[in-house]
Amino acid sequence: MTAPRPSVPAPTASAPGPGRRYELDALRIVAAVSVVLYHYTFSGPAGGLSDLSFPRIGRVTRYGYLGVDAFFMVSGFVVLLSAWNRTPRRFLASRASRLYPAYWAAVTLTATVCVVLGAGRFPVSGIQYLANLTMFNAPLGVENVDVVYWTLWAELRFYGVVLALILVGLTRRRVTGALWLWLGAACVTASGVLPAPLSRLLEVPVQSSWAHYFVAGMALCLVTKYGPTRSTVLLVLGSYALALHHATGFAATVADRYDEPLSPAVVTLAVTLVFLVMTGIATGWTRRLGRGWFVHAGALTYPLYLLHAHTGFILFNLFAGTVEPHVLLTAVITAMCAAAYALHRLVERPLTGVLLDRLQGSPGRRKARHSRG
């Protein structure tokens, strides 16, 4: 999932402000929509979760899962950029306040829909629901309430890496060295040369299947802050090579899982495009394409991602056979976007600031405590 998306109002001027990269918001929502279409028109029907099939659309949307790859690269860029000059407490408070309010609401809504309308096809137990609320259910061995939540555990482990860098002190040299170490560890872990117990242990922080995207995003963050260097350019190129290797291999896994072909050439093109777009954003080449309204579209990314999968499948199954499939597809996507907007406005925006104040300790409360003492 999920990259941070601070709530920033769109400026009145048509040109982007000096600090925000509006193109990131556009890339986020495009990635989210591609994942939605992948689930609704390809993996859901192929995996037996949805009673509707869209064979013609699915020929294109079967590659939409690569939106997750884009999410991880964006996260590497944005999270490191936002972590600079923050204390460990402020970093953890910002991440928790950004992730949890929308997530708690989405887990609750999804679990309710699954229990009430899922007809036993999407079972959710009380223990499963409570474990999911922590976002640490994966290491506890508890299944996700919704299939898409697996990316959150990957994000949390990435945050652990950034937290470690904050603790030792964020400098260009230290981050660059850490990225080379991480990329090398990912190669060694994925190679299979280590004993299985050690490999499993290292895999928790290293995440060899996704490390290249986080590393590339962080290296591009260094490019944004300090300009390109030989080391950062090589980090991006090395990450790109690993990304192609893993992406084409994973495409073969997806093809076997659903017994549907995926073209390595299309996968290569999609990964290349993600790297080119992110490089353009980091270097400022795409800045003139940014528009203020991208902020509003990008704000829907996280809630849409959290809400769409199982709830959408259940709606498809309820109305399959009574509503024309393409009309139903359009209606469900529209409903999920509306639900995402409501979650953003009614839960995410008001509660993020409240939780941030609670975790950081607001100036007003600190002053009140001192006056009472």
Protein backbone atom coordinates (compact mmCIF):
# COMPACT_ATOMS: atom_id res chain seq x y z
CA MET A 1 0.00 0.00 0.00
CA THR A 2 0.49 2.76 1.39
CA ALA A 3 2.41 6.00 0.94
CA PRO A 4 1.74 9.09 3.07
CA ARG A 5 -0.67 11.62 1.63
CA PRO A 6 -0.79 14.74 3.75
CA SER A 7 -3.96 16.78 3.48
CA VAL A 8 -2.83 19.90 1.66
CA PRO A 9 -5.36 22.30 0.14
CA ALA A 10 -5.00 23.07 -3.51
CA PRO A 11 -3.45 26.48 -4.18
CA THR A 12 -5.41 29.08 -6.06
CA ALA A 13 -2.63 29.58 -8.56
CA SER A 14 -2.48 27.29 -11.55
CA ALA A 15 1.21 26.51 -11.14
CA PRO A 16 2.31 24.00 -8.54
CA GLY A 17 3.69 25.31 -5.28
CA PRO A 18 7.43 25.17 -4.65
CA GLY A 19 7.32 22.22 -2.25
CA ARG A 20 4.61 19.80 -3.27
CA ARG A 21 4.93 17.45 -6.21
CA TYR A 22 1.38 17.15 -7.47
CA GLU A 23 2.40 14.51 -9.99
CA LEU A 24 2.81 12.08 -7.07
CA ASP A 25 -0.89 12.49 -6.27
CA ALA A 26 -1.77 11.69 -9.88
CA LEU A 27 0.50 8.64 -9.89
CA ARG A 28 -1.06 7.38 -6.65
CA ILE A 29 -4.65 7.53 -7.86
CA VAL A 30 -3.72 5.96 -11.21
CA ALA A 31 -2.02 3.12 -9.34
CA ALA A 32 -5.02 2.69 -7.04
CA VAL A 33 -7.51 2.56 -9.92
CA SER A 34 -5.32 0.02 -11.73
CA VAL A 35 -5.40 -2.22 -8.64
CA VAL A 36 -9.18 -1.82 -8.35
CA LEU A 37 -9.67 -2.82 -11.99
CA TYR A 38 -7.28 -5.74 -11.59
CA HIS A 39 -9.32 -7.12 -8.69
CA TYR A 40 -12.74 -6.43 -10.19
CA THR A 41 -12.16 -7.61 -13.74
CA PHE A 42 -9.41 -10.20 -13.48
CA SER A 43 -8.25 -11.66 -10.15
CA GLY A 44 -11.70 -11.66 -8.51
CA PRO A 45 -13.37 -13.69 -11.28
CA ALA A 46 -10.28 -15.83 -11.95
CA GLY A 47 -9.85 -16.56 -8.25
CA GLY A 48 -13.48 -17.47 -7.62
CA LEU A 49 -14.21 -14.45 -5.42
CA SER A 50 -16.52 -12.72 -7.90
CA ASP A 51 -19.35 -14.19 -9.96
CA LEU A 52 -18.86 -11.65 -12.75
CA SER A 53 -16.24 -12.05 -15.45
CA PHE A 54 -14.88 -9.48 -17.89
CA PRO A 55 -12.66 -11.47 -20.29
CA ARG A 56 -12.09 -8.67 -22.79
CA ILE A 57 -11.31 -5.98 -20.22
CA GLY A 58 -9.27 -8.47 -18.22
CA ARG A 59 -6.76 -8.83 -21.03
CA VAL A 60 -5.54 -5.33 -20.14
CA THR A 61 -6.41 -5.02 -16.45
CA ARG A 62 -4.64 -8.27 -15.52
CA TYR A 63 -1.49 -6.14 -15.27
CA GLY A 64 -3.10 -3.73 -12.79
CA TYR A 65 -1.49 -5.43 -9.79
CA LEU A 66 1.69 -3.56 -10.77
CA GLY A 67 0.06 -0.51 -9.19
CA VAL A 68 1.29 -1.94 -5.89
CA ASP A 69 4.86 -1.76 -7.20
CA ALA A 70 4.30 1.93 -7.88
CA PHE A 71 2.90 2.40 -4.36
CA PHE A 72 6.06 1.01 -2.78
CA MET A 73 8.34 3.20 -4.87
CA VAL A 74 6.30 6.32 -4.08
CA SER A 75 6.40 5.35 -0.41
CA GLY A 76 10.19 5.08 -0.45
CA PHE A 77 10.43 8.57 -1.90
CA VAL A 78 7.83 10.34 0.22
CA VAL A 79 8.41 8.69 3.60
CA LEU A 80 12.15 9.37 3.56
CA LEU A 81 11.54 12.95 2.41
CA SER A 82 9.06 13.51 5.25
CA ALA A 83 11.32 11.82 7.83
CA TRP A 84 14.18 14.28 7.40
CA ASN A 85 14.74 16.44 10.52
CA ARG A 86 12.09 14.53 12.49
CA THR A 87 12.63 12.88 15.84
CA PRO A 88 11.77 9.19 16.19
CA ARG A 89 8.63 10.10 18.16
CA ARG A 90 7.46 12.61 15.57
CA PHE A 91 8.10 10.15 12.76
CA LEU A 92 6.18 7.33 14.43
CA ALA A 93 3.35 9.71 15.38
CA SER A 94 3.07 10.99 11.80
CA ARG A 95 2.98 7.47 10.35
CA ALA A 96 0.49 6.13 12.88
CA SER A 97 -1.83 9.12 12.56
CA ARG A 98 -1.69 8.83 8.79
CA LEU A 99 -2.39 5.11 8.57
CA TYR A 100 -4.67 4.12 11.42
CA PRO A 101 -7.84 6.30 11.36
CA ALA A 102 -8.85 5.37 7.80
CA TYR A 103 -7.69 1.80 8.35
CA TRP A 104 -9.75 1.28 11.51
CA ALA A 105 -12.85 2.56 9.73
CA ALA A 106 -12.17 0.43 6.63
CA VAL A 107 -11.57 -2.76 8.64
CA THR A 108 -14.78 -2.19 10.60
CA LEU A 109 -16.85 -1.47 7.50
CA THR A 110 -15.42 -4.38 5.54
CA ALA A 111 -15.86 -6.83 8.41
CA THR A 112 -19.48 -5.70 8.85
CA VAL A 113 -20.27 -6.10 5.15
CA CYS A 114 -18.60 -9.53 5.08
CA VAL A 115 -20.57 -10.76 8.10
CA VAL A 116 -23.93 -9.31 7.06
CA LEU A 117 -23.83 -9.78 3.28
CA GLY A 118 -20.95 -12.15 2.60
CA ALA A 119 -23.08 -15.30 3.02
CA GLY A 120 -20.16 -17.17 4.55
CA ARG A 121 -18.01 -16.66 1.46
CA PHE A 122 -15.87 -14.03 3.20
CA PRO A 123 -15.79 -15.16 6.85
CA VAL A 124 -14.51 -12.81 9.55
CA SER A 125 -14.14 -13.85 13.19
CA GLY A 126 -14.04 -11.57 16.20
CA ILE A 127 -10.42 -12.43 16.96
CA GLN A 128 -9.51 -11.85 13.33
CA TYR A 129 -11.18 -8.43 13.39
CA LEU A 130 -9.45 -7.36 16.61
CA ALA A 131 -6.05 -8.61 15.41
CA ASN A 132 -6.48 -6.74 12.14
CA LEU A 133 -7.13 -3.49 14.00
CA THR A 134 -3.54 -3.59 15.26
CA MET A 135 -2.18 -3.89 11.70
CA PHE A 136 0.25 -6.47 13.10
CA ASN A 137 -1.95 -9.49 12.45
CA ALA A 138 0.39 -10.93 9.78
CA PRO A 139 3.29 -11.71 12.17
CA LEU A 140 0.71 -13.12 14.59
CA GLY A 141 -0.45 -15.55 11.91
CA VAL A 142 -3.96 -14.07 11.69
CA GLU A 143 -5.50 -13.75 8.23
CA ASN A 144 -6.29 -10.33 6.81
CA VAL A 145 -9.93 -9.20 6.86
CA ASP A 146 -9.43 -8.05 3.26
CA VAL A 147 -7.00 -9.44 0.73
CA VAL A 148 -5.41 -6.03 0.04
CA TYR A 149 -4.18 -5.46 3.59
CA TRP A 150 -1.03 -7.52 3.03
CA THR A 151 0.77 -4.42 1.73
CA LEU A 152 0.39 -2.67 5.08
CA TRP A 153 2.69 -5.16 6.80
CA ALA A 154 5.25 -4.47 4.06
CA GLU A 155 4.87 -0.73 4.71
CA LEU A 156 5.29 -1.14 8.48
CA ARG A 157 8.53 -3.05 7.98
CA PHE A 158 9.76 -0.31 5.68
CA TYR A 159 8.94 2.26 8.36
CA GLY A 160 11.15 0.24 10.70
CA VAL A 161 14.08 0.72 8.31
CA VAL A 162 13.47 4.48 8.14
CA LEU A 163 13.14 4.65 11.93
CA ALA A 164 16.54 2.94 12.28
CA LEU A 165 18.04 5.55 9.96
CA ILE A 166 16.50 8.36 12.01
CA LEU A 167 17.99 6.87 15.17
CA VAL A 168 21.52 6.87 13.70
CA GLY A 169 20.96 10.26 12.06
CA LEU A 170 19.81 11.01 8.53
CA THR A 171 22.62 12.24 6.32
CA ARG A 172 23.20 11.73 2.62
CA ARG A 173 26.22 9.51 3.22
CA ARG A 174 24.54 7.34 5.85
CA VAL A 175 21.36 6.87 3.82
CA THR A 176 23.33 6.05 0.69
CA GLY A 177 25.40 3.47 2.55
CA ALA A 178 22.29 1.95 4.11
CA LEU A 179 20.62 1.67 0.70
CA TRP A 180 23.58 -0.20 -0.76
CA LEU A 181 23.54 -2.50 2.27
CA TRP A 182 19.79 -3.08 1.89
CA LEU A 183 20.01 -3.78 -1.83
CA GLY A 184 22.89 -6.19 -1.28
CA ALA A 185 21.03 -7.96 1.54
CA ALA A 186 17.99 -8.32 -0.73
CA CYS A 187 20.11 -9.97 -3.42
CA VAL A 188 21.71 -12.36 -0.93
CA THR A 189 18.41 -13.23 0.75
CA ALA A 190 16.69 -13.91 -2.57
CA SER A 191 19.59 -15.99 -3.92
CA GLY A 192 18.91 -18.92 -1.59
CA VAL A 193 22.54 -19.25 -0.48
CA LEU A 194 21.74 -18.64 3.19
CA PRO A 195 20.43 -21.29 5.56
CA ALA A 196 16.64 -21.31 5.54
CA PRO A 197 16.18 -20.17 9.19
CA LEU A 198 18.56 -17.24 8.70
CA SER A 199 16.96 -16.34 5.39
CA ARG A 200 13.48 -16.27 6.97
CA LEU A 201 14.76 -14.09 9.80
CA LEU A 202 16.45 -11.62 7.46
CA GLU A 203 13.45 -11.52 5.16
CA VAL A 204 11.41 -9.70 7.82
CA PRO A 205 13.33 -6.40 7.56
CA VAL A 206 14.90 -6.96 4.12
CA GLN A 207 11.75 -7.79 2.08
CA SER A 208 13.69 -9.06 -0.91
CA SER A 209 10.57 -9.15 -3.10
CA TRP A 210 9.99 -5.40 -2.71
CA ALA A 211 13.22 -3.86 -1.38
CA HIS A 212 14.24 -2.60 -4.82
CA TYR A 213 11.19 -0.32 -5.01
CA PHE A 214 11.75 1.17 -1.57
CA VAL A 215 15.46 1.61 -2.30
CA ALA A 216 14.79 3.25 -5.66
CA GLY A 217 12.28 5.66 -4.12
CA MET A 218 14.69 6.58 -1.32
CA ALA A 219 17.58 7.03 -3.78
CA LEU A 220 15.39 9.36 -5.84
CA CYS A 221 14.59 11.25 -2.65
CA LEU A 222 18.34 11.86 -2.27
CA VAL A 223 18.41 13.04 -5.88
CA THR A 224 15.66 15.54 -5.07
CA LYS A 225 17.44 16.84 -1.97
CA TYR A 226 21.04 16.86 -3.15
CA GLY A 227 21.03 16.32 -6.89
CA PRO A 228 22.12 13.17 -8.75
CA THR A 229 25.39 11.51 -7.84
CA ARG A 230 27.12 8.47 -9.26
CA SER A 231 26.05 6.41 -6.27
CA THR A 232 22.38 7.38 -6.36
CA VAL A 233 22.17 6.84 -10.11
CA LEU A 234 23.70 3.37 -9.71
CA LEU A 235 21.28 2.62 -6.87
CA VAL A 236 18.33 3.46 -9.10
CA LEU A 237 19.72 1.43 -12.00
CA GLY A 238 20.47 -1.53 -9.75
CA SER A 239 16.99 -1.35 -8.27
CA TYR A 240 15.51 -1.19 -11.76
CA ALA A 241 17.38 -4.35 -12.80
CA LEU A 242 16.16 -6.18 -9.69
CA ALA A 243 12.64 -4.86 -10.24
CA LEU A 244 12.55 -6.32 -13.76
CA HIS A 245 13.87 -9.65 -12.51
CA HIS A 246 11.32 -9.95 -9.71
CA ALA A 247 8.41 -8.50 -11.69
CA THR A 248 8.77 -10.91 -14.61
CA GLY A 249 9.17 -13.80 -12.19
CA PHE A 250 6.11 -12.77 -10.22
CA ALA A 251 4.14 -12.39 -13.46
CA ALA A 252 4.81 -16.05 -14.17
CA THR A 253 3.48 -16.86 -10.68
CA VAL A 254 0.32 -14.84 -11.30
CA ALA A 255 -0.14 -16.55 -14.67
CA ASP A 256 0.15 -19.97 -13.04
CA ARG A 257 -2.17 -19.02 -10.18
CA TYR A 258 -5.00 -17.96 -12.47
CA ASP A 259 -4.10 -20.09 -15.50
CA GLU A 260 -4.00 -16.95 -17.65
CA PRO A 261 -1.02 -15.72 -19.68
CA LEU A 262 0.86 -12.52 -18.81
CA SER A 263 3.31 -10.96 -21.22
CA PRO A 264 6.83 -10.34 -19.82
CA ALA A 265 7.16 -7.52 -22.35
CA VAL A 266 4.11 -5.70 -20.95
CA VAL A 267 5.36 -6.19 -17.38
CA THR A 268 8.78 -4.83 -18.37
CA LEU A 269 7.17 -1.83 -20.05
CA ALA A 270 4.99 -1.08 -17.00
CA VAL A 271 7.89 -1.28 -14.53
CA THR A 272 10.04 0.85 -16.82
CA LEU A 273 7.29 3.46 -17.01
CA VAL A 274 7.02 3.61 -13.21
CA PHE A 275 10.78 4.19 -12.90
CA LEU A 276 10.74 6.84 -15.64
CA VAL A 277 7.81 8.71 -14.09
CA MET A 278 9.34 8.63 -10.61
CA THR A 279 12.69 9.80 -12.00
CA GLY A 280 10.93 12.63 -13.77
CA ILE A 281 9.17 13.64 -10.55
CA ALA A 282 12.38 13.47 -8.50
CA THR A 283 14.36 15.57 -10.96
CA GLY A 284 11.57 18.07 -11.62
CA TRP A 285 11.11 17.14 -15.29
CA THR A 286 7.38 16.54 -14.80
CA ARG A 287 6.74 19.58 -12.62
CA ARG A 288 4.95 21.55 -15.32
CA LEU A 289 2.39 18.75 -15.59
CA GLY A 290 1.30 19.13 -11.97
CA ARG A 291 -2.15 20.53 -11.19
CA GLY A 292 -3.57 21.53 -7.84
CA TRP A 293 -6.66 19.35 -8.23
CA PHE A 294 -4.43 16.26 -8.27
CA VAL A 295 -4.32 16.65 -4.48
CA HIS A 296 -8.05 15.92 -4.19
CA ALA A 297 -7.81 12.87 -6.44
CA GLY A 298 -4.74 11.60 -4.61
CA ALA A 299 -6.51 11.95 -1.26
CA LEU A 300 -8.89 9.13 -2.29
CA THR A 301 -6.05 6.67 -2.93
CA TYR A 302 -5.61 5.17 0.53
CA PRO A 303 -9.31 4.85 1.49
CA LEU A 304 -10.20 3.52 -1.98
CA TYR A 305 -7.47 0.91 -1.74
CA LEU A 306 -8.62 -0.16 1.73
CA LEU A 307 -12.33 -0.38 0.91
CA HIS A 308 -12.70 -1.74 -2.57
CA ALA A 309 -11.86 -5.44 -2.67
CA HIS A 310 -14.10 -7.70 -0.59
CA THR A 311 -16.94 -5.19 -0.38
CA GLY A 312 -16.85 -4.85 -4.16
CA PHE A 313 -16.84 -8.61 -4.68
CA ILE A 314 -19.84 -8.98 -2.38
CA LEU A 315 -21.77 -6.32 -4.33
CA PHE A 316 -20.96 -8.08 -7.59
CA ASN A 317 -22.18 -11.39 -6.21
CA LEU A 318 -25.40 -9.87 -4.84
CA PHE A 319 -26.42 -8.25 -8.11
CA ALA A 320 -24.90 -10.63 -10.67
CA GLY A 321 -27.60 -11.77 -13.07
CA THR A 322 -29.91 -8.86 -12.30
CA VAL A 323 -27.77 -5.95 -13.56
CA GLU A 324 -25.82 -5.81 -16.82
CA PRO A 325 -22.18 -6.60 -15.88
CA HIS A 326 -20.56 -3.44 -17.27
CA VAL A 327 -23.24 -1.24 -15.71
CA LEU A 328 -22.69 -3.02 -12.41
CA LEU A 329 -18.92 -2.60 -12.72
CA THR A 330 -19.34 1.13 -13.28
CA ALA A 331 -21.81 1.42 -10.41
CA VAL A 332 -19.59 -0.44 -7.94
CA ILE A 333 -16.50 1.60 -8.85
CA THR A 334 -18.53 4.79 -8.45
CA ALA A 335 -19.88 3.60 -5.10
CA MET A 336 -16.38 2.71 -3.88
CA CYS A 337 -15.06 6.13 -4.90
CA ALA A 338 -17.96 7.80 -3.08
CA ALA A 339 -17.29 5.67 0.01
CA ALA A 340 -13.60 6.54 -0.17
CA TYR A 341 -14.45 10.24 -0.34
CA ALA A 342 -16.78 9.93 2.65
CA LEU A 343 -14.16 8.05 4.64
CA HIS A 344 -11.56 10.69 3.80
CA ARG A 345 -13.77 13.64 4.73
CA LEU A 346 -15.56 12.18 7.75
CA VAL A 347 -12.84 10.02 9.31
CA GLU A 348 -9.38 10.52 7.86
CA ARG A 349 -9.19 14.31 7.81
CA PRO A 350 -10.71 15.05 11.24
CA LEU A 351 -9.10 12.16 13.14
CA THR A 352 -5.58 12.29 11.69
CA GLY A 353 -4.84 15.61 13.38
CA VAL A 354 -6.44 14.52 16.66
CA LEU A 355 -4.41 11.31 16.79
CA LEU A 356 -1.23 13.17 15.83
CA ASP A 357 -1.73 15.60 18.72
CA ARG A 358 -2.37 12.74 21.10
CA LEU A 359 0.75 10.87 20.06
CA GLN A 360 3.03 13.91 19.95
CA GLY A 361 1.50 15.80 22.86
CA SER A 362 -0.04 19.09 21.78
CA PRO A 363 1.45 22.39 23.03
CA GLY A 364 -1.84 23.25 24.68
CA ARG A 365 -1.93 20.08 26.77
CA ARG A 366 1.74 20.36 27.74
CA LYS A 367 1.16 23.91 28.93
CA ALA A 368 -1.88 22.83 30.93
CA ARG A 369 0.06 20.03 32.61
CA HIS A 370 2.89 22.37 33.57
CA SER A 371 0.48 24.96 35.00
CA ARG A 372 -1.20 22.30 37.15
CA GLY A 373 2.18 21.07 38.37
